[in-house]
Amino acid sequence: MRLTAIHHAYEQPILSGVNLTVSPGECIAIVGPSGSGKSTLLQILGLLKRPDAGTLHLGPVDVFTLDEEARRKLRLNEIGFVFQDAHLVPYLTVMEQLELVQAETGLATDSRRLLTDLGLGHRLNELPNRLSGGERQRVAIARALVNDPSLILADEPTASLDYVNGRLVMERLAAAAHEDGKRVIVITHDERMLDVCDRVLRLRDGQLETL
């Protein structure tokens, strides 16, 4: 994945020539103060927002040259999202959360094994309101992984969790990179979790710098 010379502004510049390359098997963290543009950058990486200028390659093609339908399919098949709020469908069981994604992608990943590997094998038939915060986030990770994406984007995934559950979530995200060969990008304020990442970058004055 290669992001090149990304510029974006609202009333004033937010991103000013951001460059970023993430290799398969790499987990990186992006930190920075509120308002520095981290969420905007994540939306661009997730194909949810088009920048004012710059390119994003998820393979040989600049994704911003594709039409909206092609970007939607790419987002569905190649990108997994994990947010601070798990955003689970309240009336679907743990297993059904993943089956919903599979119905859209047509992929036949072993959802039961994926959930079991995340310590949720005994919770498959539970609704979200019966789960702890840590369990809901692990379901969200499973949902992000079930379509076997090449890129996982996580926005403050540990912000509402205690240290133990936050650590479990971050270690599983890192494992998606280190064991499964995915590219993982985590936006976080939680400095307790940065040691599991391969690189830590700070977004400041519209550009990324290595810490």
C-alpha atoms as a PDB file:
ATOM      1  CA  MET A   1       0.000   0.000   0.000  1.00  0.00           C
ATOM      2  CA  ARG A   2       1.438   3.359  -1.006  1.00  0.00           C
ATOM      3  CA  LEU A   3       0.016   6.785  -0.217  1.00  0.00           C
ATOM      4  CA  THR A   4       1.734   9.618  -2.086  1.00  0.00           C
ATOM      5  CA  ALA A   5       1.570  13.409  -1.708  1.00  0.00           C
ATOM      6  CA  ILE A   6      -1.876  13.487  -0.112  1.00  0.00           C
ATOM      7  CA  HIS A   7      -3.323  16.956   0.379  1.00  0.00           C
ATOM      8  CA  HIS A   8      -6.669  17.763   1.930  1.00  0.00           C
ATOM      9  CA  ALA A   9      -8.196  20.915   3.352  1.00  0.00           C
ATOM     10  CA  TYR A  10     -11.408  22.130   4.902  1.00  0.00           C
ATOM     11  CA  GLU A  11     -11.249  25.816   5.821  1.00  0.00           C
ATOM     12  CA  GLN A  12      -7.498  25.360   6.211  1.00  0.00           C
ATOM     13  CA  PRO A  13      -4.998  22.643   5.193  1.00  0.00           C
ATOM     14  CA  ILE A  14      -5.343  19.400   7.182  1.00  0.00           C
ATOM     15  CA  LEU A  15      -3.028  17.083   5.243  1.00  0.00           C
ATOM     16  CA  SER A  16      -0.089  18.649   3.423  1.00  0.00           C
ATOM     17  CA  GLY A  17       1.767  16.165   1.264  1.00  0.00           C
ATOM     18  CA  VAL A  18       1.377  13.006   3.349  1.00  0.00           C
ATOM     19  CA  ASN A  19       3.423  10.014   2.170  1.00  0.00           C
ATOM     20  CA  LEU A  20       3.055   6.534   3.633  1.00  0.00           C
ATOM     21  CA  THR A  21       4.083   3.042   2.552  1.00  0.00           C
ATOM     22  CA  VAL A  22       2.964  -0.017   4.515  1.00  0.00           C
ATOM     23  CA  SER A  23       4.258  -3.478   3.620  1.00  0.00           C
ATOM     24  CA  PRO A  24       2.466  -6.814   4.089  1.00  0.00           C
ATOM     25  CA  GLY A  25       3.101  -8.093   7.610  1.00  0.00           C
ATOM     26  CA  GLU A  26       3.575  -4.624   9.083  1.00  0.00           C
ATOM     27  CA  CYS A  27       1.588  -3.069  11.934  1.00  0.00           C
ATOM     28  CA  ILE A  28       1.959   0.685  12.341  1.00  0.00           C
ATOM     29  CA  ALA A  29       0.465   3.192  14.764  1.00  0.00           C
ATOM     30  CA  ILE A  30      -0.393   6.798  13.920  1.00  0.00           C
ATOM     31  CA  VAL A  31      -0.606   9.240  16.815  1.00  0.00           C
ATOM     32  CA  GLY A  32      -1.271  12.952  17.052  1.00  0.00           C
ATOM     33  CA  PRO A  33      -3.398  15.506  18.879  1.00  0.00           C
ATOM     34  CA  SER A  34      -7.112  15.901  18.277  1.00  0.00           C
ATOM     35  CA  GLY A  35      -7.729  17.906  15.116  1.00  0.00           C
ATOM     36  CA  SER A  36      -4.427  16.916  13.517  1.00  0.00           C
ATOM     37  CA  GLY A  37      -6.146  15.081  10.666  1.00  0.00           C
ATOM     38  CA  LYS A  38      -5.868  11.453  11.802  1.00  0.00           C
ATOM     39  CA  SER A  39      -9.534  10.660  11.139  1.00  0.00           C
ATOM     40  CA  THR A  40      -9.379  12.370   7.748  1.00  0.00           C
ATOM     41  CA  LEU A  41      -6.331  10.302   6.859  1.00  0.00           C
ATOM     42  CA  LEU A  42      -8.085   7.109   7.948  1.00  0.00           C
ATOM     43  CA  GLN A  43     -11.140   7.965   5.830  1.00  0.00           C
ATOM     44  CA  ILE A  44      -8.890   8.478   2.814  1.00  0.00           C
ATOM     45  CA  LEU A  45      -7.073   5.189   3.446  1.00  0.00           C
ATOM     46  CA  GLY A  46     -10.456   3.451   3.784  1.00  0.00           C
ATOM     47  CA  LEU A  47     -11.720   4.912   0.477  1.00  0.00           C
ATOM     48  CA  LEU A  48     -14.455   6.767   2.344  1.00  0.00           C
ATOM     49  CA  LYS A  49     -13.122  10.186   1.327  1.00  0.00           C
ATOM     50  CA  ARG A  50     -11.333  11.441  -1.768  1.00  0.00           C
ATOM     51  CA  PRO A  51      -8.404  13.779  -1.085  1.00  0.00           C
ATOM     52  CA  ASP A  52      -7.938  17.098  -2.839  1.00  0.00           C
ATOM     53  CA  ALA A  53      -4.727  15.752  -4.381  1.00  0.00           C
ATOM     54  CA  GLY A  54      -2.468  12.702  -4.235  1.00  0.00           C
ATOM     55  CA  THR A  55      -2.594   8.983  -4.998  1.00  0.00           C
ATOM     56  CA  LEU A  56      -3.308   5.752  -3.124  1.00  0.00           C
ATOM     57  CA  HIS A  57      -2.148   2.437  -4.558  1.00  0.00           C
ATOM     58  CA  LEU A  58      -3.553  -0.805  -3.136  1.00  0.00           C
ATOM     59  CA  GLY A  59      -1.790  -2.733  -5.870  1.00  0.00           C
ATOM     60  CA  PRO A  60      -0.844  -1.418  -9.314  1.00  0.00           C
ATOM     61  CA  VAL A  61      -3.748   1.027  -9.717  1.00  0.00           C
ATOM     62  CA  ASP A  62      -4.355   4.402  -8.087  1.00  0.00           C
ATOM     63  CA  VAL A  63      -7.716   3.745  -6.399  1.00  0.00           C
ATOM     64  CA  PHE A  64      -8.822   7.351  -6.887  1.00  0.00           C
ATOM     65  CA  THR A  65      -8.928   6.779 -10.646  1.00  0.00           C
ATOM     66  CA  LEU A  66     -11.645   4.126 -10.114  1.00  0.00           C
ATOM     67  CA  ASP A  67     -15.367   4.853 -10.149  1.00  0.00           C
ATOM     68  CA  GLU A  68     -17.469   4.721  -6.966  1.00  0.00           C
ATOM     69  CA  GLU A  69     -18.724   1.164  -7.554  1.00  0.00           C
ATOM     70  CA  ALA A  70     -15.207  -0.166  -8.127  1.00  0.00           C
ATOM     71  CA  ARG A  71     -14.020   1.575  -4.943  1.00  0.00           C
ATOM     72  CA  ARG A  72     -16.976   0.129  -3.014  1.00  0.00           C
ATOM     73  CA  LYS A  73     -16.057  -3.407  -4.100  1.00  0.00           C
ATOM     74  CA  LEU A  74     -12.418  -2.804  -3.252  1.00  0.00           C
ATOM     75  CA  ARG A  75     -13.409  -1.490   0.176  1.00  0.00           C
ATOM     76  CA  LEU A  76     -15.631  -4.508   0.809  1.00  0.00           C
ATOM     77  CA  ASN A  77     -13.078  -7.096  -0.268  1.00  0.00           C
ATOM     78  CA  GLU A  78      -9.709  -5.592   0.642  1.00  0.00           C
ATOM     79  CA  ILE A  79     -10.262  -3.401   3.717  1.00  0.00           C
ATOM     80  CA  GLY A  80     -11.391  -4.313   7.231  1.00  0.00           C
ATOM     81  CA  PHE A  81     -12.451  -1.617   9.702  1.00  0.00           C
ATOM     82  CA  VAL A  82     -12.323  -1.603  13.518  1.00  0.00           C
ATOM     83  CA  PHE A  83     -13.613   1.461  15.367  1.00  0.00           C
ATOM     84  CA  GLN A  84     -13.688   2.699  18.975  1.00  0.00           C
ATOM     85  CA  ASP A  85     -17.349   1.687  19.103  1.00  0.00           C
ATOM     86  CA  ALA A  86     -17.729  -1.848  17.774  1.00  0.00           C
ATOM     87  CA  HIS A  87     -20.843  -0.839  15.768  1.00  0.00           C
ATOM     88  CA  LEU A  88     -22.356  -4.314  16.007  1.00  0.00           C
ATOM     89  CA  VAL A  89     -25.880  -4.853  14.686  1.00  0.00           C
ATOM     90  CA  PRO A  90     -27.910  -5.050  17.939  1.00  0.00           C
ATOM     91  CA  TYR A  91     -30.358  -7.736  16.790  1.00  0.00           C
ATOM     92  CA  LEU A  92     -27.744 -10.117  15.305  1.00  0.00           C
ATOM     93  CA  THR A  93     -25.863 -12.747  17.276  1.00  0.00           C
ATOM     94  CA  VAL A  94     -22.075 -12.888  17.321  1.00  0.00           C
ATOM     95  CA  MET A  95     -22.058 -15.501  14.562  1.00  0.00           C
ATOM     96  CA  GLU A  96     -24.605 -13.613  12.480  1.00  0.00           C
ATOM     97  CA  GLN A  97     -22.464 -10.451  12.564  1.00  0.00           C
ATOM     98  CA  LEU A  98     -19.847 -12.312  10.518  1.00  0.00           C
ATOM     99  CA  GLU A  99     -22.346 -14.143   8.340  1.00  0.00           C
ATOM    100  CA  LEU A 100     -23.760 -10.783   7.264  1.00  0.00           C
ATOM    101  CA  VAL A 101     -20.353  -9.754   5.893  1.00  0.00           C
ATOM    102  CA  GLN A 102     -19.895 -13.141   4.231  1.00  0.00           C
ATOM    103  CA  ALA A 103     -23.269 -12.807   2.508  1.00  0.00           C
ATOM    104  CA  GLU A 104     -22.048  -9.568   0.913  1.00  0.00           C
ATOM    105  CA  THR A 105     -18.616 -10.841  -0.114  1.00  0.00           C
ATOM    106  CA  GLY A 106     -19.510 -14.426  -0.986  1.00  0.00           C
ATOM    107  CA  LEU A 107     -16.418 -15.674   0.882  1.00  0.00           C
ATOM    108  CA  ALA A 108     -16.556 -18.877   2.917  1.00  0.00           C
ATOM    109  CA  THR A 109     -14.141 -18.132   5.763  1.00  0.00           C
ATOM    110  CA  ASP A 110     -14.517 -20.426   8.788  1.00  0.00           C
ATOM    111  CA  SER A 111     -16.280 -17.896  11.042  1.00  0.00           C
ATOM    112  CA  ARG A 112     -16.635 -20.310  13.927  1.00  0.00           C
ATOM    113  CA  ARG A 113     -12.909 -20.993  14.045  1.00  0.00           C
ATOM    114  CA  LEU A 114     -12.070 -17.307  13.719  1.00  0.00           C
ATOM    115  CA  LEU A 115     -14.314 -16.451  16.668  1.00  0.00           C
ATOM    116  CA  THR A 116     -12.989 -19.376  18.685  1.00  0.00           C
ATOM    117  CA  ASP A 117      -9.409 -18.223  18.086  1.00  0.00           C
ATOM    118  CA  LEU A 118     -10.449 -14.858  19.542  1.00  0.00           C
ATOM    119  CA  GLY A 119     -11.813 -16.527  22.679  1.00  0.00           C
ATOM    120  CA  LEU A 120     -15.459 -16.185  21.653  1.00  0.00           C
ATOM    121  CA  GLY A 121     -16.317 -19.794  20.878  1.00  0.00           C
ATOM    122  CA  HIS A 122     -18.717 -19.906  23.820  1.00  0.00           C
ATOM    123  CA  ARG A 123     -20.463 -16.649  22.816  1.00  0.00           C
ATOM    124  CA  LEU A 124     -21.514 -17.420  19.241  1.00  0.00           C
ATOM    125  CA  ASN A 125     -25.245 -17.149  19.882  1.00  0.00           C
ATOM    126  CA  GLU A 126     -25.165 -14.097  22.148  1.00  0.00           C
ATOM    127  CA  LEU A 127     -26.504 -10.664  21.189  1.00  0.00           C
ATOM    128  CA  PRO A 128     -24.206  -7.641  21.574  1.00  0.00           C
ATOM    129  CA  ASN A 129     -25.936  -6.394  24.734  1.00  0.00           C
ATOM    130  CA  ARG A 130     -24.875  -9.622  26.461  1.00  0.00           C
ATOM    131  CA  LEU A 131     -21.176  -9.060  25.723  1.00  0.00           C
ATOM    132  CA  SER A 132     -18.518  -7.118  27.599  1.00  0.00           C
ATOM    133  CA  GLY A 133     -16.768  -4.196  25.924  1.00  0.00           C
ATOM    134  CA  GLY A 134     -13.711  -6.323  25.241  1.00  0.00           C
ATOM    135  CA  GLU A 135     -15.808  -9.094  23.733  1.00  0.00           C
ATOM    136  CA  ARG A 136     -17.619  -6.648  21.465  1.00  0.00           C
ATOM    137  CA  GLN A 137     -14.291  -5.327  20.188  1.00  0.00           C
ATOM    138  CA  ARG A 138     -13.067  -8.866  19.510  1.00  0.00           C
ATOM    139  CA  VAL A 139     -16.246  -9.517  17.510  1.00  0.00           C
ATOM    140  CA  ALA A 140     -15.482  -6.326  15.574  1.00  0.00           C
ATOM    141  CA  ILE A 141     -11.976  -7.624  14.843  1.00  0.00           C
ATOM    142  CA  ALA A 142     -13.397 -10.956  13.682  1.00  0.00           C
ATOM    143  CA  ARG A 143     -15.835  -9.108  11.439  1.00  0.00           C
ATOM    144  CA  ALA A 144     -12.960  -7.071   9.995  1.00  0.00           C
ATOM    145  CA  LEU A 145     -10.964 -10.246   9.311  1.00  0.00           C
ATOM    146  CA  VAL A 146     -13.719 -12.468   7.957  1.00  0.00           C
ATOM    147  CA  ASN A 147     -13.474 -11.155   4.390  1.00  0.00           C
ATOM    148  CA  ASP A 148      -9.687 -11.833   4.482  1.00  0.00           C
ATOM    149  CA  PRO A 149      -8.712  -8.216   3.666  1.00  0.00           C
ATOM    150  CA  SER A 150      -5.196  -7.135   2.815  1.00  0.00           C
ATOM    151  CA  LEU A 151      -5.525  -3.916   4.845  1.00  0.00           C
ATOM    152  CA  ILE A 152      -6.988  -3.408   8.336  1.00  0.00           C
ATOM    153  CA  LEU A 153      -7.727   0.090   9.625  1.00  0.00           C
ATOM    154  CA  ALA A 154      -8.398   0.568  13.336  1.00  0.00           C
ATOM    155  CA  ASP A 155      -9.551   3.901  14.781  1.00  0.00           C
ATOM    156  CA  GLU A 156      -8.968   4.164  18.571  1.00  0.00           C
ATOM    157  CA  PRO A 157      -9.808   0.456  19.066  1.00  0.00           C
ATOM    158  CA  THR A 158      -8.768   0.424  22.745  1.00  0.00           C
ATOM    159  CA  ALA A 159     -10.086   3.829  23.867  1.00  0.00           C
ATOM    160  CA  SER A 160     -13.050   2.452  25.811  1.00  0.00           C
ATOM    161  CA  LEU A 161     -11.294  -0.660  27.182  1.00  0.00           C
ATOM    162  CA  ASP A 162      -9.304  -1.384  30.301  1.00  0.00           C
ATOM    163  CA  TYR A 163      -5.632  -2.280  29.939  1.00  0.00           C
ATOM    164  CA  VAL A 164      -6.096  -6.066  29.836  1.00  0.00           C
ATOM    165  CA  ASN A 165      -8.817  -6.021  27.183  1.00  0.00           C
ATOM    166  CA  GLY A 166      -7.072  -3.263  25.257  1.00  0.00           C
ATOM    167  CA  ARG A 167      -3.917  -5.333  25.203  1.00  0.00           C
ATOM    168  CA  LEU A 168      -5.789  -8.367  23.867  1.00  0.00           C
ATOM    169  CA  VAL A 169      -7.278  -6.269  21.083  1.00  0.00           C
ATOM    170  CA  MET A 170      -3.948  -4.705  20.086  1.00  0.00           C
ATOM    171  CA  GLU A 171      -2.094  -8.003  20.191  1.00  0.00           C
ATOM    172  CA  ARG A 172      -4.708  -9.589  17.925  1.00  0.00           C
ATOM    173  CA  LEU A 173      -4.434  -6.710  15.478  1.00  0.00           C
ATOM    174  CA  ALA A 174      -0.639  -7.048  15.497  1.00  0.00           C
ATOM    175  CA  ALA A 175      -1.000 -10.794  14.940  1.00  0.00           C
ATOM    176  CA  ALA A 176      -3.098 -10.095  11.848  1.00  0.00           C
ATOM    177  CA  ALA A 177       0.022  -8.439  10.460  1.00  0.00           C
ATOM    178  CA  HIS A 178       2.798 -10.576  11.874  1.00  0.00           C
ATOM    179  CA  GLU A 179       1.118 -13.980  11.485  1.00  0.00           C
ATOM    180  CA  ASP A 180      -1.365 -13.442   8.645  1.00  0.00           C
ATOM    181  CA  GLY A 181       0.659 -11.023   6.523  1.00  0.00           C
ATOM    182  CA  LYS A 182      -1.854  -8.194   6.492  1.00  0.00           C
ATOM    183  CA  ARG A 183      -1.156  -4.475   6.585  1.00  0.00           C
ATOM    184  CA  VAL A 184      -2.491  -2.994   9.817  1.00  0.00           C
ATOM    185  CA  ILE A 185      -2.805   0.727  10.564  1.00  0.00           C
ATOM    186  CA  VAL A 186      -3.946   1.784  14.031  1.00  0.00           C
ATOM    187  CA  ILE A 187      -4.845   5.336  14.990  1.00  0.00           C
ATOM    188  CA  THR A 188      -4.581   5.678  18.741  1.00  0.00           C
ATOM    189  CA  HIS A 189      -3.990   7.947  21.726  1.00  0.00           C
ATOM    190  CA  ASP A 190      -3.243   4.920  23.912  1.00  0.00           C
ATOM    191  CA  GLU A 191       0.524   5.032  24.388  1.00  0.00           C
ATOM    192  CA  ARG A 192       0.398   1.862  26.530  1.00  0.00           C
ATOM    193  CA  MET A 193      -0.197  -0.151  23.369  1.00  0.00           C
ATOM    194  CA  LEU A 194       2.415   1.293  21.018  1.00  0.00           C
ATOM    195  CA  ASP A 195       5.072  -1.315  21.783  1.00  0.00           C
ATOM    196  CA  VAL A 196       3.191  -4.004  19.835  1.00  0.00           C
ATOM    197  CA  CYS A 197       3.524  -1.965  16.617  1.00  0.00           C
ATOM    198  CA  ASP A 198       6.464  -2.079  14.235  1.00  0.00           C
ATOM    199  CA  ARG A 199       6.486   1.676  13.650  1.00  0.00           C
ATOM    200  CA  VAL A 200       4.935   4.686  15.350  1.00  0.00           C
ATOM    201  CA  LEU A 201       4.273   7.793  13.244  1.00  0.00           C
ATOM    202  CA  ARG A 202       3.070  11.192  14.417  1.00  0.00           C
ATOM    203  CA  LEU A 203       0.791  13.362  12.305  1.00  0.00           C
ATOM    204  CA  ARG A 204       1.810  16.958  12.881  1.00  0.00           C
ATOM    205  CA  ASP A 205       1.420  20.093  10.759  1.00  0.00           C
ATOM    206  CA  GLY A 206      -0.226  18.007   8.069  1.00  0.00           C
ATOM    207  CA  GLN A 207       2.634  15.538   7.642  1.00  0.00           C
ATOM    208  CA  LEU A 208       3.759  12.209   9.092  1.00  0.00           C
ATOM    209  CA  GLU A 209       7.003  11.912  11.017  1.00  0.00           C
ATOM    210  CA  THR A 210       8.618   8.824  12.529  1.00  0.00           C
ATOM    211  CA  LEU A 211       8.962   8.658  16.307  1.00  0.00           C
END
